[in-house]
Amino acid sequence: MSTAPRIVADRARCVGAGQCVLTAPELFDQSEDDGTVVVLAEEVGADDLDRVREAVHICPSGALALETGEETGPLSTTGRAGRPGA
């Protein structure tokens, strides 16, 4: 039994750049109070997976992660911290 990948957001780390909202507006929003990320749907469907990976990758503060049954962590295999040479 596999579980759907999940979006993990560290709001304390978020700088409110909004790149995630531009990349996947149906999955991300920004708080009206401080502009930090709001995850609208934690579980990621297959149709949205590539866009979520892109949002994780381009997040300037590294506040987003994609958690799967195989990998977990901020920017695990798709973002800055997970890329060799990043």
PDB file of N, CA and C in Angstrom:
ATOM      1  N   MET A   1       0.839  -1.181   0.000  1.00  0.00           N
ATOM      2  CA  MET A   1       0.000   0.000   0.000  1.00  0.00           C
ATOM      3  C   MET A   1       0.882   1.242   0.000  1.00  0.00           C
ATOM      4  N   SER A   2       0.772   2.071  -1.016  1.00  0.00           N
ATOM      5  CA  SER A   2       1.572   3.281  -1.070  1.00  0.00           C
ATOM      6  C   SER A   2       0.722   4.474  -0.650  1.00  0.00           C
ATOM      7  N   THR A   3       1.365   5.435  -0.091  1.00  0.00           N
ATOM      8  CA  THR A   3       0.667   6.646   0.306  1.00  0.00           C
ATOM      9  C   THR A   3       1.039   7.758  -0.654  1.00  0.00           C
ATOM     10  N   ALA A   4       0.151   8.704  -0.783  1.00  0.00           N
ATOM     11  CA  ALA A   4       0.399   9.825  -1.683  1.00  0.00           C
ATOM     12  C   ALA A   4       1.504  10.702  -1.125  1.00  0.00           C
ATOM     13  N   PRO A   5       2.325  11.274  -1.987  1.00  0.00           N
ATOM     14  CA  PRO A   5       3.333  12.228  -1.519  1.00  0.00           C
ATOM     15  C   PRO A   5       2.635  13.396  -0.814  1.00  0.00           C
ATOM     16  N   ARG A   6       3.336  13.991   0.152  1.00  0.00           N
ATOM     17  CA  ARG A   6       2.778  15.094   0.921  1.00  0.00           C
ATOM     18  C   ARG A   6       3.694  16.299   0.861  1.00  0.00           C
ATOM     19  N   ILE A   7       3.081  17.477   0.854  1.00  0.00           N
ATOM     20  CA  ILE A   7       3.817  18.729   0.899  1.00  0.00           C
ATOM     21  C   ILE A   7       4.055  19.081   2.362  1.00  0.00           C
ATOM     22  N   VAL A   8       5.278  19.418   2.676  1.00  0.00           N
ATOM     23  CA  VAL A   8       5.628  19.877   4.017  1.00  0.00           C
ATOM     24  C   VAL A   8       6.169  21.295   3.879  1.00  0.00           C
ATOM     25  N   ALA A   9       5.609  22.228   4.664  1.00  0.00           N
ATOM     26  CA  ALA A   9       6.051  23.623   4.606  1.00  0.00           C
ATOM     27  C   ALA A   9       6.515  24.082   5.984  1.00  0.00           C
ATOM     28  N   ASP A  10       7.658  24.732   6.013  1.00  0.00           N
ATOM     29  CA  ASP A  10       8.200  25.319   7.227  1.00  0.00           C
ATOM     30  C   ASP A  10       7.900  26.817   7.165  1.00  0.00           C
ATOM     31  N   ARG A  11       6.794  27.218   7.768  1.00  0.00           N
ATOM     32  CA  ARG A  11       6.360  28.619   7.684  1.00  0.00           C
ATOM     33  C   ARG A  11       7.336  29.560   8.375  1.00  0.00           C
ATOM     34  N   ALA A  12       8.069  29.063   9.360  1.00  0.00           N
ATOM     35  CA  ALA A  12       9.049  29.906  10.041  1.00  0.00           C
ATOM     36  C   ALA A  12      10.216  30.250   9.119  1.00  0.00           C
ATOM     37  N   ARG A  13      10.473  29.381   8.168  1.00  0.00           N
ATOM     38  CA  ARG A  13      11.579  29.581   7.220  1.00  0.00           C
ATOM     39  C   ARG A  13      11.145  30.370   5.978  1.00  0.00           C
ATOM     40  N   CYS A  14       9.860  30.364   5.687  1.00  0.00           N
ATOM     41  CA  CYS A  14       9.313  31.009   4.488  1.00  0.00           C
ATOM     42  C   CYS A  14       9.541  32.519   4.528  1.00  0.00           C
ATOM     43  N   VAL A  15       9.942  33.076   3.372  1.00  0.00           N
ATOM     44  CA  VAL A  15      10.155  34.517   3.258  1.00  0.00           C
ATOM     45  C   VAL A  15       9.042  35.211   2.470  1.00  0.00           C
ATOM     46  N   GLY A  16       8.044  34.449   2.051  1.00  0.00           N
ATOM     47  CA  GLY A  16       6.899  35.038   1.373  1.00  0.00           C
ATOM     48  C   GLY A  16       7.144  35.460  -0.062  1.00  0.00           C
ATOM     49  N   ALA A  17       8.075  34.830  -0.745  1.00  0.00           N
ATOM     50  CA  ALA A  17       8.375  35.191  -2.133  1.00  0.00           C
ATOM     51  C   ALA A  17       7.224  34.847  -3.084  1.00  0.00           C
ATOM     52  N   GLY A  18       6.433  33.841  -2.755  1.00  0.00           N
ATOM     53  CA  GLY A  18       5.255  33.503  -3.550  1.00  0.00           C
ATOM     54  C   GLY A  18       5.511  32.674  -4.788  1.00  0.00           C
ATOM     55  N   GLN A  19       6.712  32.169  -4.974  1.00  0.00           N
ATOM     56  CA  GLN A  19       7.015  31.369  -6.159  1.00  0.00           C
ATOM     57  C   GLN A  19       6.179  30.088  -6.196  1.00  0.00           C
ATOM     58  N   CYS A  20       5.898  29.528  -5.033  1.00  0.00           N
ATOM     59  CA  CYS A  20       5.077  28.311  -4.972  1.00  0.00           C
ATOM     60  C   CYS A  20       3.658  28.592  -5.464  1.00  0.00           C
ATOM     61  N   VAL A  21       3.122  29.743  -5.099  1.00  0.00           N
ATOM     62  CA  VAL A  21       1.772  30.123  -5.518  1.00  0.00           C
ATOM     63  C   VAL A  21       1.722  30.313  -7.023  1.00  0.00           C
ATOM     64  N   LEU A  22       2.751  30.913  -7.578  1.00  0.00           N
ATOM     65  CA  LEU A  22       2.799  31.107  -9.031  1.00  0.00           C
ATOM     66  C   LEU A  22       2.923  29.779  -9.768  1.00  0.00           C
ATOM     67  N   THR A  23       3.604  28.817  -9.154  1.00  0.00           N
ATOM     68  CA  THR A  23       3.840  27.525  -9.793  1.00  0.00           C
ATOM     69  C   THR A  23       2.629  26.601  -9.692  1.00  0.00           C
ATOM     70  N   ALA A  24       1.975  26.593  -8.534  1.00  0.00           N
ATOM     71  CA  ALA A  24       0.835  25.687  -8.313  1.00  0.00           C
ATOM     72  C   ALA A  24      -0.209  26.377  -7.428  1.00  0.00           C
ATOM     73  N   PRO A  25      -0.964  27.315  -7.994  1.00  0.00           N
ATOM     74  CA  PRO A  25      -1.908  28.102  -7.192  1.00  0.00           C
ATOM     75  C   PRO A  25      -3.043  27.292  -6.557  1.00  0.00           C
ATOM     76  N   GLU A  26      -3.321  26.122  -7.082  1.00  0.00           N
ATOM     77  CA  GLU A  26      -4.374  25.302  -6.479  1.00  0.00           C
ATOM     78  C   GLU A  26      -3.869  24.533  -5.263  1.00  0.00           C
ATOM     79  N   LEU A  27      -2.562  24.528  -5.045  1.00  0.00           N
ATOM     80  CA  LEU A  27      -1.968  23.813  -3.915  1.00  0.00           C
ATOM     81  C   LEU A  27      -1.357  24.729  -2.866  1.00  0.00           C
ATOM     82  N   PHE A  28      -1.014  25.960  -3.262  1.00  0.00           N
ATOM     83  CA  PHE A  28      -0.368  26.902  -2.352  1.00  0.00           C
ATOM     84  C   PHE A  28      -1.081  28.242  -2.363  1.00  0.00           C
ATOM     85  N   ASP A  29      -1.027  28.908  -1.228  1.00  0.00           N
ATOM     86  CA  ASP A  29      -1.509  30.276  -1.110  1.00  0.00           C
ATOM     87  C   ASP A  29      -0.569  30.983  -0.147  1.00  0.00           C
ATOM     88  N   GLN A  30      -0.834  32.254   0.092  1.00  0.00           N
ATOM     89  CA  GLN A  30      -0.034  33.009   1.044  1.00  0.00           C
ATOM     90  C   GLN A  30      -0.942  33.590   2.113  1.00  0.00           C
ATOM     91  N   SER A  31      -0.452  33.595   3.344  1.00  0.00           N
ATOM     92  CA  SER A  31      -1.182  34.144   4.467  1.00  0.00           C
ATOM     93  C   SER A  31      -1.397  35.640   4.263  1.00  0.00           C
ATOM     94  N   GLU A  32      -2.593  36.106   4.547  1.00  0.00           N
ATOM     95  CA  GLU A  32      -2.862  37.541   4.461  1.00  0.00           C
ATOM     96  C   GLU A  32      -2.169  38.293   5.587  1.00  0.00           C
ATOM     97  N   ASP A  33      -1.835  37.598   6.669  1.00  0.00           N
ATOM     98  CA  ASP A  33      -1.189  38.243   7.815  1.00  0.00           C
ATOM     99  C   ASP A  33       0.275  38.576   7.541  1.00  0.00           C
ATOM    100  N   ASP A  34       1.036  37.582   7.058  1.00  0.00           N
ATOM    101  CA  ASP A  34       2.472  37.804   6.907  1.00  0.00           C
ATOM    102  C   ASP A  34       3.048  37.344   5.570  1.00  0.00           C
ATOM    103  N   GLY A  35       2.204  36.859   4.678  1.00  0.00           N
ATOM    104  CA  GLY A  35       2.657  36.470   3.345  1.00  0.00           C
ATOM    105  C   GLY A  35       3.324  35.109   3.260  1.00  0.00           C
ATOM    106  N   THR A  36       3.395  34.386   4.383  1.00  0.00           N
ATOM    107  CA  THR A  36       4.044  33.074   4.348  1.00  0.00           C
ATOM    108  C   THR A  36       3.149  32.034   3.688  1.00  0.00           C
ATOM    109  N   VAL A  37       3.770  30.949   3.296  1.00  0.00           N
ATOM    110  CA  VAL A  37       3.098  29.893   2.554  1.00  0.00           C
ATOM    111  C   VAL A  37       1.960  29.257   3.361  1.00  0.00           C
ATOM    112  N   VAL A  38       0.879  28.978   2.646  1.00  0.00           N
ATOM    113  CA  VAL A  38      -0.237  28.206   3.174  1.00  0.00           C
ATOM    114  C   VAL A  38      -0.428  27.045   2.203  1.00  0.00           C
ATOM    115  N   VAL A  39      -0.350  25.828   2.713  1.00  0.00           N
ATOM    116  CA  VAL A  39      -0.543  24.647   1.876  1.00  0.00           C
ATOM    117  C   VAL A  39      -2.034  24.354   1.830  1.00  0.00           C
ATOM    118  N   LEU A  40      -2.598  24.362   0.628  1.00  0.00           N
ATOM    119  CA  LEU A  40      -4.035  24.144   0.468  1.00  0.00           C
ATOM    120  C   LEU A  40      -4.406  22.673   0.406  1.00  0.00           C
ATOM    121  N   ALA A  41      -3.485  21.844  -0.052  1.00  0.00           N
ATOM    122  CA  ALA A  41      -3.726  20.408  -0.144  1.00  0.00           C
ATOM    123  C   ALA A  41      -2.417  19.697   0.157  1.00  0.00           C
ATOM    124  N   GLU A  42      -2.329  19.088   1.322  1.00  0.00           N
ATOM    125  CA  GLU A  42      -1.073  18.438   1.711  1.00  0.00           C
ATOM    126  C   GLU A  42      -0.722  17.261   0.815  1.00  0.00           C
ATOM    127  N   GLU A  43      -1.722  16.442   0.464  1.00  0.00           N
ATOM    128  CA  GLU A  43      -1.444  15.277  -0.381  1.00  0.00           C
ATOM    129  C   GLU A  43      -1.382  15.698  -1.839  1.00  0.00           C
ATOM    130  N   VAL A  44      -0.410  15.146  -2.547  1.00  0.00           N
ATOM    131  CA  VAL A  44      -0.163  15.515  -3.933  1.00  0.00           C
ATOM    132  C   VAL A  44      -0.597  14.380  -4.857  1.00  0.00           C
ATOM    133  N   GLY A  45      -1.475  14.693  -5.789  1.00  0.00           N
ATOM    134  CA  GLY A  45      -1.890  13.718  -6.787  1.00  0.00           C
ATOM    135  C   GLY A  45      -0.858  13.619  -7.895  1.00  0.00           C
ATOM    136  N   ALA A  46      -0.926  12.564  -8.647  1.00  0.00           N
ATOM    137  CA  ALA A  46       0.039  12.316  -9.724  1.00  0.00           C
ATOM    138  C   ALA A  46       0.077  13.459 -10.736  1.00  0.00           C
ATOM    139  N   ASP A  47      -1.076  14.077 -10.999  1.00  0.00           N
ATOM    140  CA  ASP A  47      -1.136  15.167 -11.975  1.00  0.00           C
ATOM    141  C   ASP A  47      -0.395  16.419 -11.513  1.00  0.00           C
ATOM    142  N   ASP A  48      -0.253  16.586 -10.210  1.00  0.00           N
ATOM    143  CA  ASP A  48       0.377  17.784  -9.655  1.00  0.00           C
ATOM    144  C   ASP A  48       1.829  17.581  -9.227  1.00  0.00           C
ATOM    145  N   LEU A  49       2.311  16.374  -9.274  1.00  0.00           N
ATOM    146  CA  LEU A  49       3.619  16.047  -8.713  1.00  0.00           C
ATOM    147  C   LEU A  49       4.760  16.857  -9.341  1.00  0.00           C
ATOM    148  N   ASP A  50       4.782  16.994 -10.632  1.00  0.00           N
ATOM    149  CA  ASP A  50       5.864  17.736 -11.288  1.00  0.00           C
ATOM    150  C   ASP A  50       5.864  19.205 -10.877  1.00  0.00           C
ATOM    151  N   ARG A  51       4.666  19.813 -10.782  1.00  0.00           N
ATOM    152  CA  ARG A  51       4.598  21.221 -10.389  1.00  0.00           C
ATOM    153  C   ARG A  51       4.995  21.419  -8.935  1.00  0.00           C
ATOM    154  N   VAL A  52       4.654  20.461  -8.075  1.00  0.00           N
ATOM    155  CA  VAL A  52       5.073  20.567  -6.674  1.00  0.00           C
ATOM    156  C   VAL A  52       6.584  20.425  -6.577  1.00  0.00           C
ATOM    157  N   ARG A  53       7.147  19.503  -7.322  1.00  0.00           N
ATOM    158  CA  ARG A  53       8.611  19.376  -7.332  1.00  0.00           C
ATOM    159  C   ARG A  53       9.266  20.678  -7.789  1.00  0.00           C
ATOM    160  N   GLU A  54       8.689  21.317  -8.785  1.00  0.00           N
ATOM    161  CA  GLU A  54       9.216  22.589  -9.269  1.00  0.00           C
ATOM    162  C   GLU A  54       9.095  23.664  -8.182  1.00  0.00           C
ATOM    163  N   ALA A  55       7.961  23.722  -7.497  1.00  0.00           N
ATOM    164  CA  ALA A  55       7.777  24.699  -6.417  1.00  0.00           C
ATOM    165  C   ALA A  55       8.793  24.483  -5.305  1.00  0.00           C
ATOM    166  N   VAL A  56       9.036  23.228  -4.953  1.00  0.00           N
ATOM    167  CA  VAL A  56      10.043  22.904  -3.936  1.00  0.00           C
ATOM    168  C   VAL A  56      11.413  23.358  -4.414  1.00  0.00           C
ATOM    169  N   HIS A  57      11.706  23.096  -5.648  1.00  0.00           N
ATOM    170  CA  HIS A  57      13.008  23.423  -6.232  1.00  0.00           C
ATOM    171  C   HIS A  57      13.277  24.929  -6.257  1.00  0.00           C
ATOM    172  N   ILE A  58      12.274  25.729  -6.603  1.00  0.00           N
ATOM    173  CA  ILE A  58      12.505  27.167  -6.772  1.00  0.00           C
ATOM    174  C   ILE A  58      12.273  27.982  -5.505  1.00  0.00           C
ATOM    175  N   CYS A  59      11.820  27.363  -4.443  1.00  0.00           N
ATOM    176  CA  CYS A  59      11.586  28.101  -3.199  1.00  0.00           C
ATOM    177  C   CYS A  59      12.900  28.720  -2.714  1.00  0.00           C
ATOM    178  N   PRO A  60      12.988  30.052  -2.672  1.00  0.00           N
ATOM    179  CA  PRO A  60      14.260  30.692  -2.337  1.00  0.00           C
ATOM    180  C   PRO A  60      14.718  30.472  -0.893  1.00  0.00           C
ATOM    181  N   SER A  61      13.788  30.176   0.002  1.00  0.00           N
ATOM    182  CA  SER A  61      14.170  29.991   1.406  1.00  0.00           C
ATOM    183  C   SER A  61      14.302  28.528   1.798  1.00  0.00           C
ATOM    184  N   GLY A  62      13.964  27.625   0.892  1.00  0.00           N
ATOM    185  CA  GLY A  62      14.029  26.206   1.220  1.00  0.00           C
ATOM    186  C   GLY A  62      12.973  25.790   2.220  1.00  0.00           C
ATOM    187  N   ALA A  63      11.841  26.475   2.211  1.00  0.00           N
ATOM    188  CA  ALA A  63      10.784  26.209   3.189  1.00  0.00           C
ATOM    189  C   ALA A  63       9.879  25.050   2.813  1.00  0.00           C
ATOM    190  N   LEU A  64      10.005  24.525   1.610  1.00  0.00           N
ATOM    191  CA  LEU A  64       9.130  23.455   1.146  1.00  0.00           C
ATOM    192  C   LEU A  64       9.873  22.143   1.003  1.00  0.00           C
ATOM    193  N   ALA A  65       9.146  21.065   1.254  1.00  0.00           N
ATOM    194  CA  ALA A  65       9.694  19.726   1.051  1.00  0.00           C
ATOM    195  C   ALA A  65       8.587  18.839   0.520  1.00  0.00           C
ATOM    196  N   LEU A  66       8.989  17.796  -0.158  1.00  0.00           N
ATOM    197  CA  LEU A  66       8.067  16.785  -0.649  1.00  0.00           C
ATOM    198  C   LEU A  66       8.390  15.504   0.089  1.00  0.00           C
ATOM    199  N   GLU A  67       7.418  15.008   0.820  1.00  0.00           N
ATOM    200  CA  GLU A  67       7.606  13.808   1.636  1.00  0.00           C
ATOM    201  C   GLU A  67       6.918  12.638   0.938  1.00  0.00           C
ATOM    202  N   THR A  68       7.696  11.577   0.693  1.00  0.00           N
ATOM    203  CA  THR A  68       7.132  10.367   0.106  1.00  0.00           C
ATOM    204  C   THR A  68       7.469   9.199   1.017  1.00  0.00           C
ATOM    205  N   GLY A  69       7.021   8.031   0.675  1.00  0.00           N
ATOM    206  CA  GLY A  69       7.345   6.862   1.472  1.00  0.00           C
ATOM    207  C   GLY A  69       8.814   6.504   1.400  1.00  0.00           C
ATOM    208  N   GLU A  70       9.522   6.994   0.384  1.00  0.00           N
ATOM    209  CA  GLU A  70      10.915   6.637   0.169  1.00  0.00           C
ATOM    210  C   GLU A  70      11.881   7.731   0.595  1.00  0.00           C
ATOM    211  N   GLU A  71      11.465   8.963   0.516  1.00  0.00           N
ATOM    212  CA  GLU A  71      12.368  10.067   0.804  1.00  0.00           C
ATOM    213  C   GLU A  71      11.616  11.145   1.555  1.00  0.00           C
ATOM    214  N   THR A  72      12.289  11.807   2.414  1.00  0.00           N
ATOM    215  CA  THR A  72      11.702  12.894   3.161  1.00  0.00           C
ATOM    216  C   THR A  72      12.778  13.926   3.401  1.00  0.00           C
ATOM    217  N   GLY A  73      12.382  15.136   3.459  1.00  0.00           N
ATOM    218  CA  GLY A  73      13.325  16.148   3.860  1.00  0.00           C
ATOM    219  C   GLY A  73      13.183  17.379   3.034  1.00  0.00           C
ATOM    220  N   PRO A  74      13.672  18.474   3.578  1.00  0.00           N
ATOM    221  CA  PRO A  74      13.607  19.704   2.820  1.00  0.00           C
ATOM    222  C   PRO A  74      14.323  19.507   1.498  1.00  0.00           C
ATOM    223  N   LEU A  75      13.598  19.636   0.443  1.00  0.00           N
ATOM    224  CA  LEU A  75      14.167  19.610  -0.890  1.00  0.00           C
ATOM    225  C   LEU A  75      14.912  18.322  -1.176  1.00  0.00           C
ATOM    226  N   SER A  76      14.406  17.231  -0.668  1.00  0.00           N
ATOM    227  CA  SER A  76      15.082  15.937  -0.700  1.00  0.00           C
ATOM    228  C   SER A  76      15.778  15.649  -2.012  1.00  0.00           C
ATOM    229  N   THR A  77      15.079  15.306  -3.061  1.00  0.00           N
ATOM    230  CA  THR A  77      15.765  15.014  -4.314  1.00  0.00           C
ATOM    231  C   THR A  77      15.489  16.067  -5.370  1.00  0.00           C
ATOM    232  N   THR A  78      14.673  17.040  -5.059  1.00  0.00           N
ATOM    233  CA  THR A  78      14.297  17.982  -6.106  1.00  0.00           C
ATOM    234  C   THR A  78      14.689  19.407  -5.807  1.00  0.00           C
ATOM    235  N   GLY A  79      15.288  19.698  -4.691  1.00  0.00           N
ATOM    236  CA  GLY A  79      15.557  21.076  -4.367  1.00  0.00           C
ATOM    237  C   GLY A  79      17.003  21.359  -4.079  1.00  0.00           C
ATOM    238  N   ARG A  80      17.256  22.544  -3.635  1.00  0.00           N
ATOM    239  CA  ARG A  80      18.605  23.031  -3.432  1.00  0.00           C
ATOM    240  C   ARG A  80      19.441  22.144  -2.522  1.00  0.00           C
ATOM    241  N   ALA A  81      18.925  21.787  -1.367  1.00  0.00           N
ATOM    242  CA  ALA A  81      19.717  21.009  -0.414  1.00  0.00           C
ATOM    243  C   ALA A  81      19.971  19.588  -0.891  1.00  0.00           C
ATOM    244  N   GLY A  82      19.109  19.083  -1.762  1.00  0.00           N
ATOM    245  CA  GLY A  82      19.247  17.716  -2.216  1.00  0.00           C
ATOM    246  C   GLY A  82      20.050  17.543  -3.489  1.00  0.00           C
ATOM    247  N   ARG A  83      20.388  18.649  -4.145  1.00  0.00           N
ATOM    248  CA  ARG A  83      21.118  18.566  -5.403  1.00  0.00           C
ATOM    249  C   ARG A  83      22.605  18.579  -5.175  1.00  0.00           C
ATOM    250  N   PRO A  84      23.318  17.688  -5.796  1.00  0.00           N
ATOM    251  CA  PRO A  84      24.778  17.764  -5.713  1.00  0.00           C
ATOM    252  C   PRO A  84      25.252  19.092  -6.280  1.00  0.00           C
ATOM    253  N   GLY A  85      26.164  19.712  -5.598  1.00  0.00           N
ATOM    254  CA  GLY A  85      26.707  20.968  -6.040  1.00  0.00           C
ATOM    255  C   GLY A  85      25.854  22.161  -5.736  1.00  0.00           C
ATOM    256  N   ALA A  86      24.761  21.956  -5.003  1.00  0.00           N
ATOM    257  CA  ALA A  86      23.876  23.087  -4.702  1.00  0.00           C
ATOM    258  C   ALA A  86      24.361  23.850  -3.499  1.00  0.00           C
TER     259      ALA A  86
END
